[in-house]
Amino acid sequence: MDRGEIETLITRVALNDSAAFDLLYDNVSSKLFGVCLRVLETSVEAEDALQDTFVKIWLHADRYKVNGLSPMTWLITIARNTSLDRLRARKRGHQDTVPLIYEIAAKGPGQEQSLVNAAELKHLSDCLDRLEDDCGSAIRGVYLDNHTYAVMADRFNIPINTMRTRLRRSLIKLRRCMEDTGLHPH
């Protein structure tokens, strides 16, 4: 896949095109997995970092600008930074970095902002509750309770790759639910 095709896919992902996201994943995930594996040195951790990398790509594709730099450089930077964050967290004794919900709740010190954050947090919780097949519980387990994908796969008695797929699809649905009312994760 050439540079222009990858840029096009990133642009489509920024428009919430899940087919483009799947195509991007199919075409660059092995390269990004290699980046994660070089940093983390274990395939389980590298797989988890790769999943987190693609969540970040989905959430922040709109930040990619065609600026003369390679789109692969942008993607590799996300994978490398995600892996380094995991490595630092491991050295500190933590599995994951700050969860998304905590980031939302921690924004803005003012009273008005606190009310907005509380509404966003409530809406996020409602959206998580609407997800089918205990996907909301799985997302909470991974992103709030700092469980690994492997732990959650064991808890739900499903293969780890199935857990990753469910989480990825559930995060897409969660984002859509949040955007339906104009609220979305930052």
C-alpha atoms as a PDB file:
ATOM      1  CA  MET A   1       0.000   0.000   0.000  1.00  0.00           C
ATOM      2  CA  ASP A   2       1.493   3.333  -0.996  1.00  0.00           C
ATOM      3  CA  ARG A   3       1.649   6.603   0.902  1.00  0.00           C
ATOM      4  CA  GLY A   4      -1.359   8.158  -0.842  1.00  0.00           C
ATOM      5  CA  GLU A   5      -3.563   5.152  -0.121  1.00  0.00           C
ATOM      6  CA  ILE A   6      -2.643   5.206   3.563  1.00  0.00           C
ATOM      7  CA  GLU A   7      -3.309   8.961   3.760  1.00  0.00           C
ATOM      8  CA  THR A   8      -6.702   8.402   2.134  1.00  0.00           C
ATOM      9  CA  LEU A   9      -7.551   5.688   4.653  1.00  0.00           C
ATOM     10  CA  ILE A  10      -6.529   7.893   7.598  1.00  0.00           C
ATOM     11  CA  THR A  11      -8.708  10.692   6.218  1.00  0.00           C
ATOM     12  CA  ARG A  12     -11.644   8.295   5.889  1.00  0.00           C
ATOM     13  CA  VAL A  13     -11.048   6.984   9.422  1.00  0.00           C
ATOM     14  CA  ALA A  14     -11.225  10.585  10.658  1.00  0.00           C
ATOM     15  CA  LEU A  15     -14.742  10.617   9.157  1.00  0.00           C
ATOM     16  CA  ASN A  16     -15.631   7.506  11.216  1.00  0.00           C
ATOM     17  CA  ASP A  17     -15.447   5.155   8.220  1.00  0.00           C
ATOM     18  CA  SER A  18     -15.137   1.739   9.882  1.00  0.00           C
ATOM     19  CA  ALA A  19     -14.480  -0.028   6.549  1.00  0.00           C
ATOM     20  CA  ALA A  20     -11.463   2.243   6.009  1.00  0.00           C
ATOM     21  CA  PHE A  21     -10.355   1.516   9.579  1.00  0.00           C
ATOM     22  CA  ASP A  22     -10.524  -2.229   8.936  1.00  0.00           C
ATOM     23  CA  LEU A  23      -8.577  -1.827   5.687  1.00  0.00           C
ATOM     24  CA  LEU A  24      -5.958   0.328   7.419  1.00  0.00           C
ATOM     25  CA  TYR A  25      -5.657  -2.288  10.161  1.00  0.00           C
ATOM     26  CA  ASP A  26      -5.257  -5.093   7.632  1.00  0.00           C
ATOM     27  CA  ASN A  27      -2.513  -3.235   5.792  1.00  0.00           C
ATOM     28  CA  VAL A  28      -0.388  -1.741   8.582  1.00  0.00           C
ATOM     29  CA  SER A  29      -1.021  -3.792  11.729  1.00  0.00           C
ATOM     30  CA  SER A  30       1.828  -6.244  11.118  1.00  0.00           C
ATOM     31  CA  LYS A  31       4.335  -3.385  10.749  1.00  0.00           C
ATOM     32  CA  LEU A  32       2.969  -1.628  13.855  1.00  0.00           C
ATOM     33  CA  PHE A  33       2.985  -4.908  15.776  1.00  0.00           C
ATOM     34  CA  GLY A  34       6.702  -5.194  14.982  1.00  0.00           C
ATOM     35  CA  VAL A  35       7.262  -1.721  16.428  1.00  0.00           C
ATOM     36  CA  CYS A  36       5.365  -2.645  19.595  1.00  0.00           C
ATOM     37  CA  LEU A  37       7.215  -5.944  19.899  1.00  0.00           C
ATOM     38  CA  ARG A  38      10.628  -4.280  19.600  1.00  0.00           C
ATOM     39  CA  VAL A  39       9.791  -1.973  22.510  1.00  0.00           C
ATOM     40  CA  LEU A  40       7.938  -4.411  24.783  1.00  0.00           C
ATOM     41  CA  GLU A  41       9.685  -7.688  23.856  1.00  0.00           C
ATOM     42  CA  THR A  42       6.684  -9.945  24.599  1.00  0.00           C
ATOM     43  CA  SER A  43       3.991 -10.749  22.074  1.00  0.00           C
ATOM     44  CA  VAL A  44       1.141 -10.529  24.600  1.00  0.00           C
ATOM     45  CA  GLU A  45       2.111  -7.011  25.654  1.00  0.00           C
ATOM     46  CA  ALA A  46       2.807  -6.040  22.046  1.00  0.00           C
ATOM     47  CA  GLU A  47      -0.658  -7.253  21.020  1.00  0.00           C
ATOM     48  CA  ASP A  48      -2.228  -5.190  23.796  1.00  0.00           C
ATOM     49  CA  ALA A  49      -0.201  -2.143  22.772  1.00  0.00           C
ATOM     50  CA  LEU A  50      -1.226  -2.673  19.146  1.00  0.00           C
ATOM     51  CA  GLN A  51      -4.886  -2.705  20.189  1.00  0.00           C
ATOM     52  CA  ASP A  52      -4.384   0.514  22.155  1.00  0.00           C
ATOM     53  CA  THR A  53      -2.577   2.009  19.167  1.00  0.00           C
ATOM     54  CA  PHE A  54      -5.534   1.374  16.901  1.00  0.00           C
ATOM     55  CA  VAL A  55      -7.947   2.804  19.463  1.00  0.00           C
ATOM     56  CA  LYS A  56      -5.840   5.983  19.436  1.00  0.00           C
ATOM     57  CA  ILE A  57      -5.759   5.997  15.636  1.00  0.00           C
ATOM     58  CA  TRP A  58      -9.550   5.697  15.532  1.00  0.00           C
ATOM     59  CA  LEU A  59     -10.054   8.423  18.110  1.00  0.00           C
ATOM     60  CA  HIS A  60      -7.427  10.826  16.749  1.00  0.00           C
ATOM     61  CA  ALA A  61      -7.258  10.260  12.985  1.00  0.00           C
ATOM     62  CA  ASP A  62      -8.591  13.785  12.561  1.00  0.00           C
ATOM     63  CA  ARG A  63      -5.287  15.052  13.998  1.00  0.00           C
ATOM     64  CA  TYR A  64      -3.301  13.636  11.091  1.00  0.00           C
ATOM     65  CA  LYS A  65      -2.521  16.334   8.592  1.00  0.00           C
ATOM     66  CA  VAL A  66      -1.059  15.715   5.182  1.00  0.00           C
ATOM     67  CA  ASN A  67       2.087  17.704   5.876  1.00  0.00           C
ATOM     68  CA  GLY A  68       4.735  16.116   3.734  1.00  0.00           C
ATOM     69  CA  LEU A  69       5.649  13.546   6.360  1.00  0.00           C
ATOM     70  CA  SER A  70       4.964   9.890   5.745  1.00  0.00           C
ATOM     71  CA  PRO A  71       1.635   8.636   7.126  1.00  0.00           C
ATOM     72  CA  MET A  72       3.530   5.535   8.237  1.00  0.00           C
ATOM     73  CA  THR A  73       5.785   7.762  10.328  1.00  0.00           C
ATOM     74  CA  TRP A  74       2.686   9.130  12.064  1.00  0.00           C
ATOM     75  CA  LEU A  75       1.280   5.620  12.657  1.00  0.00           C
ATOM     76  CA  ILE A  76       4.643   4.229  13.822  1.00  0.00           C
ATOM     77  CA  THR A  77       5.032   7.163  16.231  1.00  0.00           C
ATOM     78  CA  ILE A  78       1.655   6.351  17.799  1.00  0.00           C
ATOM     79  CA  ALA A  79       2.611   2.663  18.139  1.00  0.00           C
ATOM     80  CA  ARG A  80       6.035   3.481  19.564  1.00  0.00           C
ATOM     81  CA  ASN A  81       4.699   6.044  22.062  1.00  0.00           C
ATOM     82  CA  THR A  82       1.902   3.700  23.147  1.00  0.00           C
ATOM     83  CA  SER A  83       4.447   0.931  23.691  1.00  0.00           C
ATOM     84  CA  LEU A  84       6.800   3.237  25.587  1.00  0.00           C
ATOM     85  CA  ASP A  85       3.888   4.350  27.800  1.00  0.00           C
ATOM     86  CA  ARG A  86       3.141   0.702  28.580  1.00  0.00           C
ATOM     87  CA  LEU A  87       6.817   0.042  29.284  1.00  0.00           C
ATOM     88  CA  ARG A  88       6.985   3.000  31.673  1.00  0.00           C
ATOM     89  CA  ALA A  89       3.749   1.898  33.342  1.00  0.00           C
ATOM     90  CA  ARG A  90       5.146  -1.611  33.752  1.00  0.00           C
ATOM     91  CA  LYS A  91       8.283  -0.208  35.392  1.00  0.00           C
ATOM     92  CA  ARG A  92       6.096   1.820  37.765  1.00  0.00           C
ATOM     93  CA  GLY A  93       4.054  -1.306  38.530  1.00  0.00           C
ATOM     94  CA  HIS A  94       0.927  -0.312  36.581  1.00  0.00           C
ATOM     95  CA  GLN A  95      -0.527  -2.142  33.602  1.00  0.00           C
ATOM     96  CA  ASP A  96      -2.066   0.753  31.703  1.00  0.00           C
ATOM     97  CA  THR A  97      -1.891   4.531  31.515  1.00  0.00           C
ATOM     98  CA  VAL A  98      -4.670   6.889  32.663  1.00  0.00           C
ATOM     99  CA  PRO A  99      -8.035   5.629  31.413  1.00  0.00           C
ATOM    100  CA  LEU A 100     -10.120   7.729  29.055  1.00  0.00           C
ATOM    101  CA  ILE A 101     -12.972   8.217  31.537  1.00  0.00           C
ATOM    102  CA  TYR A 102     -10.584   9.601  34.155  1.00  0.00           C
ATOM    103  CA  GLU A 103      -9.224  12.031  31.574  1.00  0.00           C
ATOM    104  CA  ILE A 104     -12.753  13.286  30.892  1.00  0.00           C
ATOM    105  CA  ALA A 105     -13.512  13.674  34.592  1.00  0.00           C
ATOM    106  CA  ALA A 106     -10.211  15.422  35.289  1.00  0.00           C
ATOM    107  CA  LYS A 107     -10.603  18.241  32.736  1.00  0.00           C
ATOM    108  CA  GLY A 108     -11.186  21.808  33.845  1.00  0.00           C
ATOM    109  CA  PRO A 109     -11.128  22.986  37.429  1.00  0.00           C
ATOM    110  CA  GLY A 110     -14.123  25.344  37.218  1.00  0.00           C
ATOM    111  CA  GLN A 111     -17.609  24.605  38.515  1.00  0.00           C
ATOM    112  CA  GLU A 112     -19.192  24.946  35.068  1.00  0.00           C
ATOM    113  CA  GLN A 113     -16.623  22.592  33.571  1.00  0.00           C
ATOM    114  CA  SER A 114     -17.194  20.158  36.425  1.00  0.00           C
ATOM    115  CA  LEU A 115     -20.903  20.062  35.597  1.00  0.00           C
ATOM    116  CA  VAL A 116     -20.149  19.480  31.918  1.00  0.00           C
ATOM    117  CA  ASN A 117     -17.715  16.706  32.836  1.00  0.00           C
ATOM    118  CA  ALA A 118     -20.274  15.093  35.123  1.00  0.00           C
ATOM    119  CA  ALA A 119     -22.800  15.127  32.273  1.00  0.00           C
ATOM    120  CA  GLU A 120     -20.221  13.612  29.905  1.00  0.00           C
ATOM    121  CA  LEU A 121     -19.306  10.966  32.455  1.00  0.00           C
ATOM    122  CA  LYS A 122     -22.989  10.122  33.013  1.00  0.00           C
ATOM    123  CA  HIS A 123     -23.587   9.925  29.266  1.00  0.00           C
ATOM    124  CA  LEU A 124     -20.491   7.767  28.832  1.00  0.00           C
ATOM    125  CA  SER A 125     -21.705   5.435  31.559  1.00  0.00           C
ATOM    126  CA  ASP A 126     -25.156   5.250  29.919  1.00  0.00           C
ATOM    127  CA  CYS A 127     -23.574   4.479  26.550  1.00  0.00           C
ATOM    128  CA  LEU A 128     -21.441   1.747  28.112  1.00  0.00           C
ATOM    129  CA  ASP A 129     -24.562   0.226  29.671  1.00  0.00           C
ATOM    130  CA  ARG A 130     -26.262   0.105  26.234  1.00  0.00           C
ATOM    131  CA  LEU A 131     -23.546  -2.034  24.657  1.00  0.00           C
ATOM    132  CA  GLU A 132     -24.598  -5.628  24.084  1.00  0.00           C
ATOM    133  CA  ASP A 133     -23.012  -8.874  25.297  1.00  0.00           C
ATOM    134  CA  ASP A 134     -21.332  -7.379  28.375  1.00  0.00           C
ATOM    135  CA  CYS A 135     -19.101  -5.281  26.110  1.00  0.00           C
ATOM    136  CA  GLY A 136     -19.534  -2.330  28.445  1.00  0.00           C
ATOM    137  CA  SER A 137     -18.202  -4.467  31.295  1.00  0.00           C
ATOM    138  CA  ALA A 138     -15.258  -5.526  29.149  1.00  0.00           C
ATOM    139  CA  ILE A 139     -14.426  -1.912  28.270  1.00  0.00           C
ATOM    140  CA  ARG A 140     -14.674  -0.941  31.934  1.00  0.00           C
ATOM    141  CA  GLY A 141     -12.432  -3.869  32.845  1.00  0.00           C
ATOM    142  CA  VAL A 142      -9.702  -2.938  30.387  1.00  0.00           C
ATOM    143  CA  TYR A 143      -9.826   0.855  30.490  1.00  0.00           C
ATOM    144  CA  LEU A 144     -10.948   1.554  34.061  1.00  0.00           C
ATOM    145  CA  ASP A 145      -9.866  -1.440  36.106  1.00  0.00           C
ATOM    146  CA  ASN A 146      -6.530  -1.857  34.262  1.00  0.00           C
ATOM    147  CA  HIS A 147      -7.101  -5.514  33.370  1.00  0.00           C
ATOM    148  CA  THR A 148      -5.252  -6.886  30.376  1.00  0.00           C
ATOM    149  CA  TYR A 149      -7.073  -8.202  27.330  1.00  0.00           C
ATOM    150  CA  ALA A 150      -6.006 -11.700  28.364  1.00  0.00           C
ATOM    151  CA  VAL A 151      -7.588 -11.337  31.818  1.00  0.00           C
ATOM    152  CA  MET A 152     -10.845 -10.087  30.322  1.00  0.00           C
ATOM    153  CA  ALA A 153     -10.847 -12.862  27.701  1.00  0.00           C
ATOM    154  CA  ASP A 154     -10.504 -15.404  30.529  1.00  0.00           C
ATOM    155  CA  ARG A 155     -13.235 -13.684  32.531  1.00  0.00           C
ATOM    156  CA  PHE A 156     -15.653 -13.881  29.579  1.00  0.00           C
ATOM    157  CA  ASN A 157     -14.363 -17.307  28.518  1.00  0.00           C
ATOM    158  CA  ILE A 158     -13.536 -16.246  24.956  1.00  0.00           C
ATOM    159  CA  PRO A 159     -10.323 -16.234  22.911  1.00  0.00           C
ATOM    160  CA  ILE A 160      -8.139 -13.153  23.337  1.00  0.00           C
ATOM    161  CA  ASN A 161      -8.484 -12.161  19.669  1.00  0.00           C
ATOM    162  CA  THR A 162     -12.275 -12.304  20.012  1.00  0.00           C
ATOM    163  CA  MET A 163     -11.975 -10.018  23.059  1.00  0.00           C
ATOM    164  CA  ARG A 164      -9.842  -7.567  21.071  1.00  0.00           C
ATOM    165  CA  THR A 165     -12.334  -7.560  18.210  1.00  0.00           C
ATOM    166  CA  ARG A 166     -15.281  -7.045  20.579  1.00  0.00           C
ATOM    167  CA  LEU A 167     -13.488  -4.192  22.309  1.00  0.00           C
ATOM    168  CA  ARG A 168     -12.578  -2.505  19.032  1.00  0.00           C
ATOM    169  CA  ARG A 169     -16.137  -2.773  17.709  1.00  0.00           C
ATOM    170  CA  SER A 170     -17.573  -1.694  21.057  1.00  0.00           C
ATOM    171  CA  LEU A 171     -15.333   1.369  21.187  1.00  0.00           C
ATOM    172  CA  ILE A 172     -16.601   2.349  17.743  1.00  0.00           C
ATOM    173  CA  LYS A 173     -20.210   1.968  18.946  1.00  0.00           C
ATOM    174  CA  LEU A 174     -19.364   3.849  22.127  1.00  0.00           C
ATOM    175  CA  ARG A 175     -17.919   6.733  20.139  1.00  0.00           C
ATOM    176  CA  ARG A 176     -21.052   6.866  17.966  1.00  0.00           C
ATOM    177  CA  CYS A 177     -23.283   6.881  21.032  1.00  0.00           C
ATOM    178  CA  MET A 178     -21.277   9.725  22.545  1.00  0.00           C
ATOM    179  CA  GLU A 179     -21.382  11.690  19.291  1.00  0.00           C
ATOM    180  CA  ASP A 180     -25.170  11.261  18.954  1.00  0.00           C
ATOM    181  CA  THR A 181     -25.662  13.931  21.583  1.00  0.00           C
ATOM    182  CA  GLY A 182     -22.639  16.007  20.731  1.00  0.00           C
ATOM    183  CA  LEU A 183     -20.614  14.561  23.590  1.00  0.00           C
ATOM    184  CA  HIS A 184     -17.482  12.676  22.712  1.00  0.00           C
ATOM    185  CA  PRO A 185     -14.325  11.512  24.425  1.00  0.00           C
ATOM    186  CA  HIS A 186     -11.475  14.023  24.246  1.00  0.00           C
END
